C-alpha cells in the first residue's frame, strides 16, 4: 500500500474509533436488532395475509402493539398493524423504528380511488404522498397574506403549498352555488439530522427510487373477485399502476365534490388515512419507503351503496397482498448477497 493511502486509512480508522463518523455507527434499537424491512398495515385483514405467509415468526408486544418478526419471501421483516388514522400510523411507525433495526419501510393496505379511471381492485404504487388537510383556514377566498405579502404566512412558522404552481383553496359546490371555504393547502414542517437545525417544509414525500424501479417491473395477475362469501366481483380485471401522487387525510372520503377537487388541484390518484403520515416518519428518520394501496372503493365517485359489498369481500386486501409479496420476491432477487 502506498504511504499516503496508508496514512489516510489509519486516519479514518482513528476518527471512526473516536465516534466522529456517526453515520457509520449502527442505529440503536430497543428490542430486536437484526436488520429488517419494516411493514406497516392499518386494517386487520391487510396484515393478516402477510403474517400468515411469514416464516420463523416471533411476536413482540410493545405498548399494546403486536410486532411480528420473521422471514417473508426471503426477506427478514417485522410486521405491525397500526390501526386506522394519521395519529396511529405516525405513532406505530416510529415505535417500530425505535424498537427494531429497520433499513427499508413498506406500507401495504387499501385505499379509495380518486382518479377518473380508478377501478375497485386496482393496486396503486404512488411516487409520492401528501397531507392536504394540513391547511391555512382563511376568512374568505382571498389568498392569505398574514405576513404582508400575498401567499406569505412564513412569519407564523407556516408555508402555503403550491401543488400546481399557485396557492390552492377548496371551493365547495352547494345547491345555491359555489362557496369559497378559505381552506388553503399548507406544506408540512419536518426535521431530521440532515436538515437540522432549520428543518424544511415539504408538501409531499417521495417514495424510494430503487424500490419504485422494482415495482415498475412487477408482473402480477390480480383477482376480479374477493375470496369471501357471498362473492363480489368487478367487471374488468384490476391493474397494477406505479407512479403519480396520492394523499392521506383524517377522514373516510365519500364526497364527490372534494374527490373532484383533489383530482383537479393536485392530480391525486387515491386517498387513505395513514400513508402520508407513515412517509413523514420515514423521511424524518431518513429511511427509504414505498407504499402499496389497493382500491376498496372510489371515494364517493360511484354509487356508494356498492362499497359495503366490495369492502367486505376481501378483494382489495387480496390484490394488495399479491403485489406486496411479488415485490418482496423481486426485492430479494435484486439484493442477493
Protein backbone atom coordinates (compact mmCIF):
# COMPACT_ATOMS: atom_id res chain seq x y z
CA UNK A 1 0.00 0.00 0.00
CA UNK A 2 1.28 3.50 -0.83
CA UNK A 3 2.34 5.63 2.21
CA UNK A 4 -0.30 8.32 1.50
CA UNK A 5 -3.09 5.78 1.26
CA UNK A 6 -1.83 4.03 4.40
CA UNK A 7 -1.94 7.35 6.27
CA UNK A 8 -5.49 8.13 5.11
CA UNK A 9 -6.69 4.65 6.07
CA UNK A 10 -5.14 4.97 9.53
CA UNK A 11 -6.64 8.44 9.99
CA UNK A 12 -10.12 7.28 9.00
CA UNK A 13 -9.85 4.34 11.38
CA UNK A 14 -8.85 6.69 14.22
CA UNK A 15 -11.74 9.09 13.53
CA UNK A 16 -14.20 6.19 13.39
CA UNK A 17 -12.83 4.87 16.65
CA UNK A 18 -13.38 8.27 18.26
CA UNK A 19 -17.02 8.22 17.08
CA UNK A 20 -16.59 11.22 14.75
CA UNK A 21 -18.24 9.36 11.84
CA UNK A 22 -21.64 8.95 13.47
CA UNK A 23 -23.28 7.85 10.22
CA UNK A 24 -21.15 4.66 10.25
CA UNK A 25 -22.45 3.70 13.69
CA UNK A 26 -25.49 1.37 13.65
CA UNK A 27 -28.67 2.95 14.96
CA UNK A 28 -29.61 1.80 18.43
CA UNK A 29 -32.68 -0.42 18.75
CA UNK A 30 -34.64 -1.17 21.90
CA UNK A 31 -35.99 -4.68 21.29
CA UNK A 32 -34.51 -6.73 18.41
CA UNK A 33 -31.56 -5.58 16.34
CA UNK A 34 -31.36 -7.78 13.22
CA UNK A 35 -31.60 -5.67 10.02
CA UNK A 36 -35.15 -5.93 8.66
CA UNK A 37 -37.71 -4.46 6.28
CA UNK A 38 -40.48 -2.86 8.31
CA UNK A 39 -44.03 -3.48 7.02
CA UNK A 40 -46.99 -1.48 8.33
CA UNK A 41 -50.68 -2.15 7.63
CA UNK A 42 -53.62 -0.22 9.01
CA UNK A 43 -56.53 -2.64 8.68
CA UNK A 44 -56.55 -6.10 10.22
CA UNK A 45 -57.24 -8.09 7.07
CA UNK A 46 -54.30 -6.40 5.30
CA UNK A 47 -51.75 -7.51 7.88
CA UNK A 48 -53.26 -10.98 8.42
CA UNK A 49 -52.38 -12.18 4.90
CA UNK A 50 -48.75 -11.08 5.22
CA UNK A 51 -48.30 -12.51 8.72
CA UNK A 52 -49.78 -15.85 7.57
CA UNK A 53 -47.11 -16.02 4.82
CA UNK A 54 -44.25 -15.19 7.19
CA UNK A 55 -41.88 -17.94 8.29
CA UNK A 56 -39.88 -18.26 11.52
CA UNK A 57 -42.32 -15.97 13.28
CA UNK A 58 -41.72 -14.40 16.66
CA UNK A 59 -44.05 -11.91 18.33
CA UNK A 60 -43.24 -8.91 20.49
CA UNK A 61 -45.88 -6.91 22.40
CA UNK A 62 -44.79 -3.27 22.73
CA UNK A 63 -47.14 -0.72 24.27
CA UNK A 64 -50.03 -2.99 23.32
CA UNK A 65 -48.94 -3.26 19.66
CA UNK A 66 -48.09 -6.71 18.28
CA UNK A 67 -44.93 -6.79 16.15
CA UNK A 68 -44.19 -10.00 14.23
CA UNK A 69 -40.65 -10.70 13.07
CA UNK A 70 -39.72 -13.44 10.62
CA UNK A 71 -38.83 -14.10 7.01
CA UNK A 72 -41.20 -13.14 4.20
CA UNK A 73 -40.31 -14.19 0.65
CA UNK A 74 -36.67 -14.50 1.72
CA UNK A 75 -36.51 -11.08 3.42
CA UNK A 76 -36.11 -10.57 7.18
CA UNK A 77 -39.15 -8.46 8.13
CA UNK A 78 -41.05 -7.00 11.05
CA UNK A 79 -44.80 -6.53 10.53
CA UNK A 80 -47.20 -4.44 12.60
CA UNK A 81 -50.86 -3.42 12.46
CA UNK A 82 -51.01 0.32 13.11
CA UNK A 83 -54.76 0.79 13.22
CA UNK A 84 -56.61 3.32 11.09
CA UNK A 85 -55.75 7.06 11.26
CA UNK A 86 -52.95 9.59 10.90
CA UNK A 87 -52.02 9.55 14.64
CA UNK A 88 -51.91 5.74 14.83
CA UNK A 89 -49.77 5.38 11.70
CA UNK A 90 -47.37 8.05 12.98
CA UNK A 91 -47.02 6.58 16.46
CA UNK A 92 -46.69 2.93 15.47
CA UNK A 93 -44.24 3.55 12.62
CA UNK A 94 -41.93 5.49 14.96
CA UNK A 95 -42.35 2.76 17.59
CA UNK A 96 -41.21 0.17 15.02
CA UNK A 97 -38.17 2.25 14.05
CA UNK A 98 -37.19 2.72 17.70
CA UNK A 99 -37.50 -0.94 18.66
CA UNK A 100 -36.22 -2.71 15.54
CA UNK A 101 -33.36 -2.11 13.11
CA UNK A 102 -35.39 -1.16 10.03
CA UNK A 103 -33.44 -0.33 6.86
CA UNK A 104 -36.44 -0.02 4.48
CA UNK A 105 -40.12 0.63 5.15
CA UNK A 106 -43.20 -0.65 3.31
CA UNK A 107 -46.88 0.09 3.80
CA UNK A 108 -49.39 -2.40 2.47
CA UNK A 109 -53.12 -1.71 2.55
CA UNK A 110 -56.33 -0.46 0.95
CA UNK A 111 -57.48 3.00 -0.19
CA UNK A 112 -60.18 4.93 -2.00
CA UNK A 113 -59.70 5.74 -5.67
CA UNK A 114 -59.80 9.35 -6.90
CA UNK A 115 -58.52 9.42 -10.50
CA UNK A 116 -61.32 9.24 -13.11
CA UNK A 117 -60.02 5.90 -14.41
CA UNK A 118 -59.89 4.29 -10.94
CA UNK A 119 -61.34 0.81 -10.61
CA UNK A 120 -62.06 -1.19 -7.46
CA UNK A 121 -59.36 -3.85 -7.08
CA UNK A 122 -56.62 -1.83 -8.83
CA UNK A 123 -53.32 -1.64 -6.93
CA UNK A 124 -51.50 1.70 -6.88
CA UNK A 125 -47.86 2.37 -6.02
CA UNK A 126 -47.62 6.18 -5.94
CA UNK A 127 -44.31 8.01 -6.34
CA UNK A 128 -45.21 10.49 -3.58
CA UNK A 129 -47.72 11.12 -0.81
CA UNK A 130 -49.17 14.39 0.54
CA UNK A 131 -51.30 15.57 3.51
CA UNK A 132 -53.74 18.10 2.00
CA UNK A 133 -55.78 18.55 5.18
CA UNK A 134 -52.84 20.45 6.65
CA UNK A 135 -54.38 23.85 5.83
CA UNK A 136 -54.47 27.58 6.50
CA UNK A 137 -58.14 28.44 7.04
CA UNK A 138 -58.60 31.98 5.78
CA UNK A 139 -61.66 34.10 6.49
CA UNK A 140 -62.57 34.25 2.80
CA UNK A 141 -61.41 33.02 -0.60
CA UNK A 142 -58.57 35.54 -0.85
CA UNK A 143 -55.00 34.19 -0.89
CA UNK A 144 -53.67 34.61 2.68
CA UNK A 145 -51.22 37.47 3.27
CA UNK A 146 -50.67 37.19 7.02
CA UNK A 147 -47.07 38.34 6.72
CA UNK A 148 -47.64 41.34 4.46
CA UNK A 149 -47.39 39.79 1.01
CA UNK A 150 -49.86 37.64 -0.91
CA UNK A 151 -49.16 33.96 -0.23
CA UNK A 152 -46.71 34.68 2.61
CA UNK A 153 -47.53 33.13 6.00
CA UNK A 154 -43.96 32.24 6.99
CA UNK A 155 -43.84 34.73 9.90
CA UNK A 156 -46.29 32.31 11.55
CA UNK A 157 -43.89 29.39 11.04
CA UNK A 158 -46.08 28.12 8.18
CA UNK A 159 -45.84 27.86 4.41
CA UNK A 160 -48.55 27.60 1.76
CA UNK A 161 -48.36 24.69 -0.66
CA UNK A 162 -48.41 25.21 -4.42
CA UNK A 163 -49.06 21.78 -5.97
CA UNK A 164 -49.94 23.34 -9.34
CA UNK A 165 -47.66 26.37 -9.04
CA UNK A 166 -50.01 28.58 -7.02
CA UNK A 167 -51.87 28.51 -3.67
CA UNK A 168 -54.91 26.26 -3.87
CA UNK A 169 -58.16 26.64 -1.92
CA UNK A 170 -61.09 24.25 -1.77
CA UNK A 171 -64.32 25.60 -3.29
CA UNK A 172 -67.47 23.87 -2.03
CA UNK A 173 -70.27 23.08 -4.50
CA UNK A 174 -73.73 23.59 -2.97
CA UNK A 175 -77.27 23.71 -4.43
CA UNK A 176 -77.04 27.50 -4.04
CA UNK A 177 -73.77 27.70 -5.97
CA UNK A 178 -70.04 27.62 -5.27
CA UNK A 179 -68.81 28.67 -1.81
CA UNK A 180 -65.26 29.76 -1.05
CA UNK A 181 -64.12 27.83 2.02
CA UNK A 182 -60.83 29.68 2.61
CA UNK A 183 -59.08 26.33 3.16
CA UNK A 184 -55.61 26.71 1.62
CA UNK A 185 -53.16 23.83 1.42
CA UNK A 186 -50.03 24.06 3.56
CA UNK A 187 -46.67 22.35 3.44
CA UNK A 188 -45.53 20.33 6.46
CA UNK A 189 -42.54 21.17 8.61
CA UNK A 190 -40.14 18.25 9.03
CA UNK A 191 -36.80 17.99 10.81
CA UNK A 192 -34.10 15.35 10.63
CA UNK A 193 -30.35 15.19 11.16
CA UNK A 194 -29.72 16.16 7.54
CA UNK A 195 -31.82 19.34 7.68
CA UNK A 196 -31.16 20.35 11.31
CA UNK A 197 -31.31 22.83 12.90
CA UNK A 198 -33.55 24.76 10.46
CA UNK A 199 -35.61 21.85 9.19
CA UNK A 200 -37.62 22.26 5.99
CA UNK A 201 -41.13 22.44 4.56
CA UNK A 202 -42.46 19.72 2.27
CA UNK A 203 -45.79 19.23 0.56
CA UNK A 204 -45.29 15.60 -0.33
CA UNK A 205 -42.85 12.77 0.37
CA UNK A 206 -41.15 10.85 -2.42
CA UNK A 207 -41.07 7.07 -2.34
CA UNK A 208 -37.66 5.43 -2.76
CA UNK A 209 -36.46 5.40 -6.38
CA UNK A 210 -34.86 1.96 -6.18
CA UNK A 211 -37.98 0.41 -4.67
CA UNK A 212 -40.17 2.08 -7.30
CA UNK A 213 -37.93 0.69 -10.04
CA UNK A 214 -38.56 -2.83 -8.74
CA UNK A 215 -42.32 -2.18 -8.52
CA UNK A 216 -42.43 -0.98 -12.14
CA UNK A 217 -41.13 -4.32 -13.36
CA UNK A 218 -43.63 -6.47 -11.46
CA UNK A 219 -45.98 -8.72 -13.40
CA UNK A 220 -48.86 -9.71 -11.13
CA UNK A 221 -52.19 -11.27 -12.12
CA UNK A 222 -54.80 -9.54 -9.96
CA UNK A 223 -58.15 -11.03 -8.96
CA UNK A 224 -61.59 -9.85 -10.10
CA UNK A 225 -63.50 -11.47 -7.23
CA UNK A 226 -62.98 -11.30 -3.49
CA UNK A 227 -62.38 -14.56 -1.60
CA UNK A 228 -65.14 -14.05 0.97
CA UNK A 229 -68.77 -15.15 0.65
CA UNK A 230 -71.03 -14.03 -0.87
CA UNK A 231 -68.65 -13.32 -3.76
CA UNK A 232 -68.29 -9.76 -5.06
CA UNK A 233 -66.68 -9.36 -8.48
CA UNK A 234 -65.69 -6.34 -10.54
CA UNK A 235 -66.44 -6.19 -14.25
CA UNK A 236 -62.88 -5.71 -15.52
CA UNK A 237 -59.59 -7.24 -14.41
CA UNK A 238 -57.81 -4.85 -12.00
CA UNK A 239 -54.39 -3.43 -12.88
CA UNK A 240 -51.17 -2.52 -11.11
CA UNK A 241 -50.27 1.16 -11.60
CA UNK A 242 -47.00 2.74 -10.49
CA UNK A 243 -46.44 6.50 -10.30
CA UNK A 244 -48.23 9.76 -9.53
CA UNK A 245 -49.33 11.33 -6.26
CA UNK A 246 -51.73 10.06 -3.61
CA UNK A 247 -52.93 11.69 -0.40
CA UNK A 248 -53.80 10.87 3.18
CA UNK A 249 -56.36 12.64 5.35
CA UNK A 250 -58.17 12.18 8.69
CA UNK A 251 -61.47 11.18 7.06
CA UNK A 252 -63.08 8.37 5.08
CA UNK A 253 -63.84 10.18 1.82
CA UNK A 254 -67.31 9.65 0.36
CA UNK A 255 -67.80 13.14 -1.07
CA UNK A 256 -67.81 13.56 -4.87
CA UNK A 257 -67.10 17.31 -4.68
CA UNK A 258 -63.98 17.01 -2.57
CA UNK A 259 -62.88 13.98 -4.59
CA UNK A 260 -63.07 16.10 -7.75
CA UNK A 261 -61.16 18.94 -6.06
CA UNK A 262 -58.32 16.58 -5.11
CA UNK A 263 -58.06 15.39 -8.70
CA UNK A 264 -58.26 18.85 -10.27
CA UNK A 265 -55.95 20.64 -7.82
CA UNK A 266 -53.18 18.07 -7.38
CA UNK A 267 -53.98 15.06 -9.60
CA UNK A 268 -54.33 12.84 -6.54
CA UNK A 269 -54.86 9.22 -7.54
CA UNK A 270 -56.08 7.80 -4.23
CA UNK A 271 -56.82 8.69 -0.62
CA UNK A 272 -56.20 6.79 2.60
CA UNK A 273 -55.83 7.64 6.28
CA UNK A 274 -52.22 6.61 7.00
CA UNK A 275 -49.59 6.59 4.26
CA UNK A 276 -48.53 10.26 4.19
CA UNK A 277 -48.01 10.17 7.97
CA UNK A 278 -46.01 6.95 7.59
CA UNK A 279 -43.99 8.64 4.82
CA UNK A 280 -43.36 11.70 7.01
CA UNK A 281 -41.92 9.46 9.74
CA UNK A 282 -39.81 7.59 7.16
CA UNK A 283 -38.42 10.87 5.83
CA UNK A 284 -37.74 12.24 9.32
CA UNK A 285 -35.76 9.07 10.10
CA UNK A 286 -34.11 9.01 6.64
CA UNK A 287 -35.39 5.52 5.86
CA UNK A 288 -36.42 4.71 2.25
CA UNK A 289 -40.08 3.70 1.84
CA UNK A 290 -42.69 2.50 -0.61
CA UNK A 291 -46.46 2.04 -0.25
CA UNK A 292 -48.86 -0.38 -1.96
CA UNK A 293 -52.55 0.50 -1.91
CA UNK A 294 -55.38 -1.49 -3.48
CA UNK A 295 -58.66 0.34 -4.13
CA UNK A 296 -61.56 -0.89 -1.99
CA UNK A 297 -63.89 1.91 -3.14
CA UNK A 298 -63.95 5.03 -5.33
CA UNK A 299 -64.10 7.65 -2.54
CA UNK A 300 -67.64 8.76 -3.37
CA UNK A 301 -67.13 8.62 -7.11
CA UNK A 302 -69.65 5.83 -7.70
CA UNK A 303 -72.88 4.54 -6.19
CA UNK A 304 -71.65 4.37 -2.62
CA UNK A 305 -74.05 1.54 -1.77
CA UNK A 306 -71.55 -0.74 -3.52
CA UNK A 307 -68.78 -0.02 -1.02
CA UNK A 308 -70.09 -2.39 1.63
CA UNK A 309 -70.07 -5.35 -0.74
CA UNK A 310 -66.57 -4.70 -2.09
CA UNK A 311 -65.09 -3.53 1.21
CA UNK A 312 -66.13 -6.74 2.91
CA UNK A 313 -65.28 -9.06 0.01
CA UNK A 314 -61.52 -9.16 0.63
CA UNK A 315 -60.80 -8.25 -3.00
CA UNK A 316 -58.66 -5.18 -2.23
CA UNK A 317 -56.69 -6.88 0.56
CA UNK A 318 -56.02 -9.93 -1.61
CA UNK A 319 -54.73 -7.86 -4.51
CA UNK A 320 -52.50 -5.58 -2.42
CA UNK A 321 -51.04 -8.62 -0.66
CA UNK A 322 -50.30 -10.24 -4.03
CA UNK A 323 -48.37 -7.16 -5.15
CA UNK A 324 -46.58 -6.78 -1.81
CA UNK A 325 -45.44 -10.40 -1.86
CA UNK A 326 -44.38 -10.19 -5.51
CA UNK A 327 -42.38 -7.07 -4.68
CA UNK A 328 -40.63 -8.81 -1.77
CA UNK A 329 -39.68 -11.74 -4.01
CA UNK A 330 -38.29 -9.35 -6.64
CA UNK A 331 -36.50 -7.27 -3.99
CA UNK A 332 -34.80 -10.38 -2.62
CA UNK A 333 -33.74 -11.44 -6.11
CA UNK A 334 -32.32 -7.96 -6.79
CA UNK A 335 -30.46 -7.78 -3.48
CA UNK A 336 -28.99 -11.25 -3.12
CA UNK A 337 -25.70 -11.24 -1.15
